[in-house]
Amino acid sequence: MLENDAFRILDRQECLRLLAKVPVGRVVYTRHALPAVLPVNFSLDEDTSVLLYTSAVSDLVRAIDGVVVAFEADEFTAATHSGWSVVVTGLATVVTDPAEHERLSQTGPRSWMPVRNGVFVRIESELVTGRELTGATTTQ
């Protein structure tokens, strides 16, 4: 049983600040009518959307282009039972504008995997939620 409040809700700005600190998150989407989760490296764009860089012919691009997905990133410390988690929900689209693609080639994420015919995928930050675990103690 919890002795005190174990978490606090984070506002949008705090969520985005925390997202910018970590390099890896998880895309949550539907594959063959089932939930799927894929860890990916990412960055945040100027407009606070999540950016991915991957192969144009990847299964991920085929599954998420033009649909609403969730993106989750977190950071936890097991020893102190503390950390945070942020979820971004929004429309995922492949960046098709040549000027935007060129800009993102300079400022966007680099894939940790080899990529041929790379594309940027933007996940709009339509809904941003998060919470921080404060390291509350438990009793038995």
N, C-alpha and C. Protein backbone atom coordinates (compact mmCIF):
# COMPACT_ATOMS: atom_id res chain seq x y z
N MET A 1 0.84 -1.15 0.00
CA MET A 1 0.00 0.00 0.00
C MET A 1 0.90 1.23 0.00
N LEU A 2 0.52 2.24 -0.77
CA LEU A 2 1.34 3.44 -0.90
C LEU A 2 1.16 4.35 0.31
N GLU A 3 2.28 4.88 0.79
CA GLU A 3 2.23 5.80 1.93
C GLU A 3 2.00 7.24 1.50
N ASN A 4 2.35 7.59 0.25
CA ASN A 4 2.16 8.96 -0.23
C ASN A 4 1.88 8.93 -1.72
N ASP A 5 1.65 10.10 -2.29
CA ASP A 5 1.43 10.17 -3.73
C ASP A 5 2.71 9.75 -4.44
N ALA A 6 2.60 8.75 -5.27
CA ALA A 6 3.79 8.19 -5.90
C ALA A 6 4.12 8.84 -7.24
N PHE A 7 3.24 9.68 -7.77
CA PHE A 7 3.52 10.30 -9.05
C PHE A 7 2.86 11.66 -9.16
N ARG A 8 3.32 12.42 -10.16
CA ARG A 8 2.67 13.68 -10.48
C ARG A 8 2.50 13.78 -11.98
N ILE A 9 1.43 14.42 -12.39
CA ILE A 9 1.14 14.63 -13.80
C ILE A 9 2.05 15.75 -14.33
N LEU A 10 2.59 15.54 -15.52
CA LEU A 10 3.46 16.54 -16.15
C LEU A 10 2.68 17.35 -17.17
N ASP A 11 2.95 18.65 -17.25
CA ASP A 11 2.29 19.45 -18.27
C ASP A 11 3.01 19.26 -19.61
N ARG A 12 2.39 19.77 -20.67
CA ARG A 12 2.90 19.58 -22.03
C ARG A 12 4.35 20.05 -22.18
N GLN A 13 4.67 21.24 -21.69
CA GLN A 13 6.02 21.77 -21.85
C GLN A 13 7.06 20.92 -21.13
N GLU A 14 6.71 20.46 -19.94
CA GLU A 14 7.63 19.60 -19.19
C GLU A 14 7.83 18.27 -19.90
N CYS A 15 6.76 17.73 -20.46
CA CYS A 15 6.86 16.49 -21.23
C CYS A 15 7.80 16.64 -22.41
N LEU A 16 7.64 17.72 -23.16
CA LEU A 16 8.49 17.95 -24.33
C LEU A 16 9.94 18.18 -23.93
N ARG A 17 10.16 18.87 -22.82
CA ARG A 17 11.53 19.08 -22.32
C ARG A 17 12.19 17.74 -21.99
N LEU A 18 11.45 16.86 -21.35
CA LEU A 18 12.00 15.54 -21.01
C LEU A 18 12.24 14.69 -22.25
N LEU A 19 11.32 14.73 -23.20
CA LEU A 19 11.51 13.97 -24.45
C LEU A 19 12.80 14.36 -25.15
N ALA A 20 13.10 15.64 -25.14
CA ALA A 20 14.30 16.13 -25.82
C ALA A 20 15.59 15.62 -25.20
N LYS A 21 15.51 15.06 -23.99
CA LYS A 21 16.71 14.60 -23.28
C LYS A 21 17.10 13.16 -23.59
N VAL A 22 16.19 12.38 -24.19
CA VAL A 22 16.49 10.97 -24.41
C VAL A 22 16.54 10.66 -25.91
N PRO A 23 17.37 9.68 -26.31
CA PRO A 23 17.52 9.40 -27.74
C PRO A 23 16.61 8.30 -28.29
N VAL A 24 15.98 7.51 -27.41
CA VAL A 24 15.22 6.35 -27.87
C VAL A 24 13.83 6.36 -27.26
N GLY A 25 12.85 5.99 -28.08
CA GLY A 25 11.47 5.84 -27.62
C GLY A 25 10.85 4.66 -28.34
N ARG A 26 9.53 4.52 -28.21
CA ARG A 26 8.82 3.40 -28.82
C ARG A 26 7.62 3.90 -29.60
N VAL A 27 7.51 3.45 -30.84
CA VAL A 27 6.33 3.73 -31.65
C VAL A 27 5.32 2.62 -31.36
N VAL A 28 4.09 3.02 -31.03
CA VAL A 28 3.02 2.07 -30.76
C VAL A 28 2.01 2.21 -31.89
N TYR A 29 1.77 1.12 -32.61
CA TYR A 29 0.92 1.16 -33.79
C TYR A 29 0.20 -0.17 -33.96
N THR A 30 -0.57 -0.27 -35.01
CA THR A 30 -1.30 -1.51 -35.29
C THR A 30 -0.66 -2.21 -36.49
N ARG A 31 -0.39 -3.50 -36.32
CA ARG A 31 0.16 -4.32 -37.41
C ARG A 31 -0.69 -5.57 -37.51
N HIS A 32 -1.31 -5.77 -38.65
CA HIS A 32 -2.20 -6.92 -38.87
C HIS A 32 -3.28 -6.99 -37.79
N ALA A 33 -3.86 -5.84 -37.48
CA ALA A 33 -4.96 -5.70 -36.51
C ALA A 33 -4.55 -6.03 -35.07
N LEU A 34 -3.24 -6.08 -34.81
CA LEU A 34 -2.74 -6.34 -33.46
C LEU A 34 -1.83 -5.20 -33.02
N PRO A 35 -1.75 -4.94 -31.72
CA PRO A 35 -0.83 -3.90 -31.24
C PRO A 35 0.62 -4.29 -31.51
N ALA A 36 1.40 -3.31 -31.89
CA ALA A 36 2.83 -3.52 -32.12
C ALA A 36 3.60 -2.36 -31.49
N VAL A 37 4.79 -2.66 -31.01
CA VAL A 37 5.65 -1.65 -30.39
C VAL A 37 7.05 -1.84 -30.96
N LEU A 38 7.66 -0.74 -31.39
CA LEU A 38 8.99 -0.81 -31.97
C LEU A 38 9.87 0.29 -31.38
N PRO A 39 11.00 -0.10 -30.77
CA PRO A 39 11.92 0.93 -30.27
C PRO A 39 12.64 1.59 -31.44
N VAL A 40 12.76 2.92 -31.37
CA VAL A 40 13.42 3.70 -32.42
C VAL A 40 14.16 4.87 -31.80
N ASN A 41 15.21 5.31 -32.48
CA ASN A 41 15.81 6.57 -32.07
C ASN A 41 15.03 7.69 -32.76
N PHE A 42 15.06 8.88 -32.18
CA PHE A 42 14.21 9.97 -32.66
C PHE A 42 14.80 11.31 -32.26
N SER A 43 14.16 12.36 -32.73
CA SER A 43 14.43 13.71 -32.23
C SER A 43 13.12 14.49 -32.29
N LEU A 44 13.11 15.63 -31.62
CA LEU A 44 11.95 16.53 -31.70
C LEU A 44 12.25 17.62 -32.71
N ASP A 45 11.25 17.97 -33.50
CA ASP A 45 11.40 19.05 -34.46
C ASP A 45 11.04 20.37 -33.79
N GLU A 46 11.28 21.45 -34.50
CA GLU A 46 10.99 22.80 -33.99
C GLU A 46 9.53 22.94 -33.56
N ASP A 47 8.62 22.27 -34.26
CA ASP A 47 7.19 22.38 -33.95
C ASP A 47 6.75 21.37 -32.91
N THR A 48 7.68 20.71 -32.26
CA THR A 48 7.47 19.72 -31.19
C THR A 48 6.94 18.39 -31.69
N SER A 49 6.96 18.15 -33.00
CA SER A 49 6.60 16.83 -33.48
C SER A 49 7.79 15.88 -33.30
N VAL A 50 7.48 14.60 -33.21
CA VAL A 50 8.51 13.56 -33.09
C VAL A 50 8.95 13.19 -34.50
N LEU A 51 10.27 13.11 -34.71
CA LEU A 51 10.81 12.76 -36.02
C LEU A 51 11.57 11.44 -35.96
N LEU A 52 11.30 10.59 -36.94
CA LEU A 52 12.03 9.34 -37.12
C LEU A 52 12.69 9.37 -38.49
N TYR A 53 13.75 8.60 -38.67
CA TYR A 53 14.39 8.45 -39.98
C TYR A 53 14.55 6.97 -40.23
N THR A 54 13.96 6.51 -41.32
CA THR A 54 13.99 5.08 -41.61
C THR A 54 13.90 4.85 -43.11
N SER A 55 13.97 3.61 -43.52
CA SER A 55 13.90 3.24 -44.92
C SER A 55 12.49 3.45 -45.47
N ALA A 56 12.41 3.99 -46.66
CA ALA A 56 11.10 4.25 -47.29
C ALA A 56 10.29 2.98 -47.48
N VAL A 57 10.93 1.85 -47.59
CA VAL A 57 10.20 0.59 -47.84
C VAL A 57 10.07 -0.26 -46.58
N SER A 58 10.31 0.33 -45.43
CA SER A 58 10.23 -0.45 -44.19
C SER A 58 8.79 -0.81 -43.85
N ASP A 59 8.62 -1.89 -43.11
CA ASP A 59 7.30 -2.28 -42.63
C ASP A 59 6.71 -1.19 -41.76
N LEU A 60 7.55 -0.50 -40.99
CA LEU A 60 7.06 0.57 -40.12
C LEU A 60 6.41 1.68 -40.94
N VAL A 61 7.07 2.14 -41.98
CA VAL A 61 6.51 3.22 -42.79
C VAL A 61 5.19 2.80 -43.41
N ARG A 62 5.13 1.59 -43.94
CA ARG A 62 3.87 1.11 -44.53
C ARG A 62 2.76 1.05 -43.49
N ALA A 63 3.10 0.73 -42.26
CA ALA A 63 2.07 0.57 -41.22
C ALA A 63 1.59 1.89 -40.64
N ILE A 64 2.46 2.91 -40.57
CA ILE A 64 2.07 4.11 -39.84
C ILE A 64 1.80 5.34 -40.70
N ASP A 65 2.22 5.36 -41.96
CA ASP A 65 2.02 6.56 -42.77
C ASP A 65 0.53 6.85 -42.93
N GLY A 66 0.12 8.01 -42.43
CA GLY A 66 -1.27 8.44 -42.57
C GLY A 66 -2.22 7.96 -41.49
N VAL A 67 -1.69 7.37 -40.42
CA VAL A 67 -2.56 6.90 -39.34
C VAL A 67 -2.11 7.50 -38.00
N VAL A 68 -3.01 7.47 -37.04
CA VAL A 68 -2.70 7.96 -35.70
C VAL A 68 -1.93 6.87 -34.95
N VAL A 69 -0.82 7.26 -34.32
CA VAL A 69 0.01 6.34 -33.55
C VAL A 69 0.30 6.98 -32.19
N ALA A 70 0.87 6.19 -31.33
CA ALA A 70 1.38 6.70 -30.06
C ALA A 70 2.90 6.55 -30.08
N PHE A 71 3.57 7.42 -29.38
CA PHE A 71 5.01 7.36 -29.22
C PHE A 71 5.31 7.55 -27.76
N GLU A 72 6.09 6.66 -27.17
CA GLU A 72 6.38 6.72 -25.74
C GLU A 72 7.88 6.71 -25.53
N ALA A 73 8.33 7.54 -24.59
CA ALA A 73 9.73 7.53 -24.16
C ALA A 73 9.73 7.70 -22.65
N ASP A 74 10.79 7.20 -22.02
CA ASP A 74 10.84 7.26 -20.57
C ASP A 74 12.28 7.19 -20.08
N GLU A 75 12.41 7.39 -18.79
CA GLU A 75 13.70 7.25 -18.12
C GLU A 75 13.41 6.91 -16.67
N PHE A 76 13.96 5.80 -16.20
CA PHE A 76 13.69 5.34 -14.84
C PHE A 76 14.98 4.94 -14.15
N THR A 77 14.96 5.06 -12.81
CA THR A 77 16.06 4.59 -11.98
C THR A 77 15.47 3.58 -11.01
N ALA A 78 15.80 2.32 -11.19
CA ALA A 78 15.21 1.25 -10.38
C ALA A 78 15.57 1.41 -8.90
N ALA A 79 16.79 1.82 -8.62
CA ALA A 79 17.24 1.91 -7.22
C ALA A 79 16.42 2.90 -6.40
N THR A 80 15.95 3.97 -7.03
CA THR A 80 15.18 4.98 -6.30
C THR A 80 13.68 4.93 -6.61
N HIS A 81 13.29 3.99 -7.44
CA HIS A 81 11.88 3.86 -7.84
C HIS A 81 11.35 5.18 -8.38
N SER A 82 12.15 5.83 -9.20
CA SER A 82 11.76 7.13 -9.72
C SER A 82 12.02 7.21 -11.22
N GLY A 83 11.39 8.17 -11.84
CA GLY A 83 11.58 8.38 -13.27
C GLY A 83 10.36 9.04 -13.87
N TRP A 84 10.28 8.99 -15.21
CA TRP A 84 9.18 9.63 -15.90
C TRP A 84 8.84 8.86 -17.16
N SER A 85 7.65 9.09 -17.66
CA SER A 85 7.18 8.52 -18.92
C SER A 85 6.33 9.55 -19.62
N VAL A 86 6.54 9.69 -20.94
CA VAL A 86 5.78 10.65 -21.75
C VAL A 86 5.22 9.91 -22.96
N VAL A 87 3.97 10.20 -23.29
CA VAL A 87 3.32 9.63 -24.47
C VAL A 87 2.85 10.76 -25.37
N VAL A 88 3.22 10.67 -26.64
CA VAL A 88 2.76 11.59 -27.68
C VAL A 88 1.82 10.80 -28.58
N THR A 89 0.64 11.34 -28.82
CA THR A 89 -0.32 10.69 -29.71
C THR A 89 -0.62 11.66 -30.85
N GLY A 90 -0.56 11.15 -32.08
CA GLY A 90 -0.84 12.02 -33.22
C GLY A 90 -0.68 11.31 -34.54
N LEU A 91 -1.00 12.03 -35.60
CA LEU A 91 -0.93 11.52 -36.95
C LEU A 91 0.52 11.37 -37.39
N ALA A 92 0.85 10.23 -37.95
CA ALA A 92 2.19 9.97 -38.50
C ALA A 92 2.14 10.12 -40.01
N THR A 93 3.06 10.88 -40.57
CA THR A 93 3.12 11.05 -42.02
C THR A 93 4.57 11.08 -42.48
N VAL A 94 4.79 10.57 -43.67
CA VAL A 94 6.11 10.67 -44.29
C VAL A 94 6.27 12.08 -44.82
N VAL A 95 7.42 12.68 -44.57
CA VAL A 95 7.71 14.03 -45.07
C VAL A 95 8.01 13.91 -46.56
N THR A 96 7.18 14.56 -47.37
CA THR A 96 7.34 14.46 -48.83
C THR A 96 7.83 15.76 -49.46
N ASP A 97 7.73 16.87 -48.76
CA ASP A 97 8.17 18.15 -49.30
C ASP A 97 9.70 18.15 -49.42
N PRO A 98 10.25 18.38 -50.63
CA PRO A 98 11.71 18.33 -50.80
C PRO A 98 12.47 19.32 -49.93
N ALA A 99 11.95 20.53 -49.77
CA ALA A 99 12.65 21.53 -48.94
C ALA A 99 12.65 21.09 -47.48
N GLU A 100 11.53 20.56 -47.01
CA GLU A 100 11.45 20.08 -45.64
C GLU A 100 12.39 18.88 -45.43
N HIS A 101 12.43 17.99 -46.40
CA HIS A 101 13.34 16.83 -46.32
C HIS A 101 14.78 17.30 -46.25
N GLU A 102 15.12 18.30 -47.04
CA GLU A 102 16.49 18.84 -47.03
C GLU A 102 16.82 19.45 -45.67
N ARG A 103 15.88 20.22 -45.11
CA ARG A 103 16.10 20.82 -43.79
C ARG A 103 16.32 19.73 -42.74
N LEU A 104 15.48 18.70 -42.77
CA LEU A 104 15.58 17.63 -41.79
C LEU A 104 16.85 16.80 -41.99
N SER A 105 17.35 16.76 -43.21
CA SER A 105 18.62 16.06 -43.46
C SER A 105 19.76 16.72 -42.69
N GLN A 106 19.63 18.02 -42.43
CA GLN A 106 20.64 18.75 -41.67
C GLN A 106 20.38 18.73 -40.17
N THR A 107 19.11 18.74 -39.76
CA THR A 107 18.77 18.93 -38.35
C THR A 107 18.07 17.73 -37.70
N GLY A 108 17.57 16.82 -38.51
CA GLY A 108 16.76 15.72 -37.98
C GLY A 108 17.60 14.57 -37.45
N PRO A 109 16.91 13.51 -37.02
CA PRO A 109 17.62 12.37 -36.45
C PRO A 109 18.37 11.57 -37.51
N ARG A 110 19.36 10.86 -37.07
CA ARG A 110 20.09 9.90 -37.90
C ARG A 110 19.72 8.51 -37.40
N SER A 111 19.45 7.61 -38.31
CA SER A 111 19.09 6.26 -37.90
C SER A 111 20.31 5.55 -37.31
N TRP A 112 20.06 4.74 -36.31
CA TRP A 112 21.13 3.92 -35.75
C TRP A 112 21.35 2.65 -36.58
N MET A 113 20.46 2.42 -37.54
CA MET A 113 20.55 1.26 -38.42
C MET A 113 20.91 1.75 -39.82
N PRO A 114 21.54 0.89 -40.64
CA PRO A 114 21.78 1.30 -42.04
C PRO A 114 20.44 1.54 -42.75
N VAL A 115 20.36 2.63 -43.51
CA VAL A 115 19.12 2.99 -44.19
C VAL A 115 19.41 3.26 -45.66
N ARG A 116 18.61 2.64 -46.53
CA ARG A 116 18.66 2.95 -47.95
C ARG A 116 17.36 3.66 -48.30
N ASN A 117 17.44 4.66 -49.16
CA ASN A 117 16.25 5.43 -49.54
C ASN A 117 15.52 5.93 -48.30
N GLY A 118 16.22 6.65 -47.46
CA GLY A 118 15.67 7.10 -46.18
C GLY A 118 14.59 8.15 -46.32
N VAL A 119 13.64 8.08 -45.41
CA VAL A 119 12.58 9.07 -45.32
C VAL A 119 12.44 9.50 -43.86
N PHE A 120 11.94 10.70 -43.68
CA PHE A 120 11.61 11.18 -42.35
C PHE A 120 10.12 10.95 -42.13
N VAL A 121 9.80 10.49 -40.94
CA VAL A 121 8.41 10.32 -40.54
C VAL A 121 8.16 11.30 -39.39
N ARG A 122 7.10 12.08 -39.53
CA ARG A 122 6.72 13.05 -38.52
C ARG A 122 5.50 12.53 -37.77
N ILE A 123 5.57 12.52 -36.44
CA ILE A 123 4.42 12.20 -35.60
C ILE A 123 4.01 13.51 -34.93
N GLU A 124 2.85 14.02 -35.31
CA GLU A 124 2.35 15.28 -34.76
C GLU A 124 2.10 15.11 -33.26
N SER A 125 2.42 16.12 -32.50
CA SER A 125 2.22 16.05 -31.05
C SER A 125 0.85 16.62 -30.68
N GLU A 126 -0.19 15.95 -31.17
CA GLU A 126 -1.56 16.40 -30.94
C GLU A 126 -1.97 16.26 -29.48
N LEU A 127 -1.59 15.17 -28.86
CA LEU A 127 -1.88 14.92 -27.46
C LEU A 127 -0.58 14.50 -26.79
N VAL A 128 -0.19 15.23 -25.75
CA VAL A 128 1.06 14.93 -25.04
C VAL A 128 0.72 14.77 -23.56
N THR A 129 1.01 13.59 -23.02
CA THR A 129 0.75 13.34 -21.61
C THR A 129 1.98 12.72 -20.97
N GLY A 130 2.10 12.91 -19.67
CA GLY A 130 3.24 12.32 -18.98
C GLY A 130 3.04 12.32 -17.49
N ARG A 131 3.85 11.51 -16.86
CA ARG A 131 3.85 11.50 -15.40
C ARG A 131 5.23 11.15 -14.89
N GLU A 132 5.49 11.64 -13.71
CA GLU A 132 6.77 11.41 -13.06
C GLU A 132 6.53 10.59 -11.80
N LEU A 133 7.30 9.51 -11.65
CA LEU A 133 7.28 8.73 -10.41
C LEU A 133 8.24 9.40 -9.46
N THR A 134 7.80 9.61 -8.25
CA THR A 134 8.60 10.40 -7.30
C THR A 134 9.38 9.57 -6.30
N GLY A 135 9.40 8.26 -6.46
CA GLY A 135 10.18 7.46 -5.55
C GLY A 135 9.50 7.18 -4.23
N ALA A 136 8.19 7.07 -4.25
CA ALA A 136 7.44 6.80 -3.03
C ALA A 136 7.80 5.42 -2.48
N THR A 137 7.71 5.28 -1.19
CA THR A 137 7.99 3.98 -0.56
C THR A 137 6.70 3.21 -0.42
N THR A 138 6.80 1.91 -0.30
CA THR A 138 5.63 1.06 -0.11
C THR A 138 5.80 0.27 1.20
N THR A 139 4.69 -0.12 1.75
CA THR A 139 4.72 -0.98 2.93
C THR A 139 4.05 -2.28 2.57
N GLN A 140 4.38 -3.31 3.31
CA GLN A 140 3.82 -4.62 3.01
C GLN A 140 2.80 -5.03 4.02
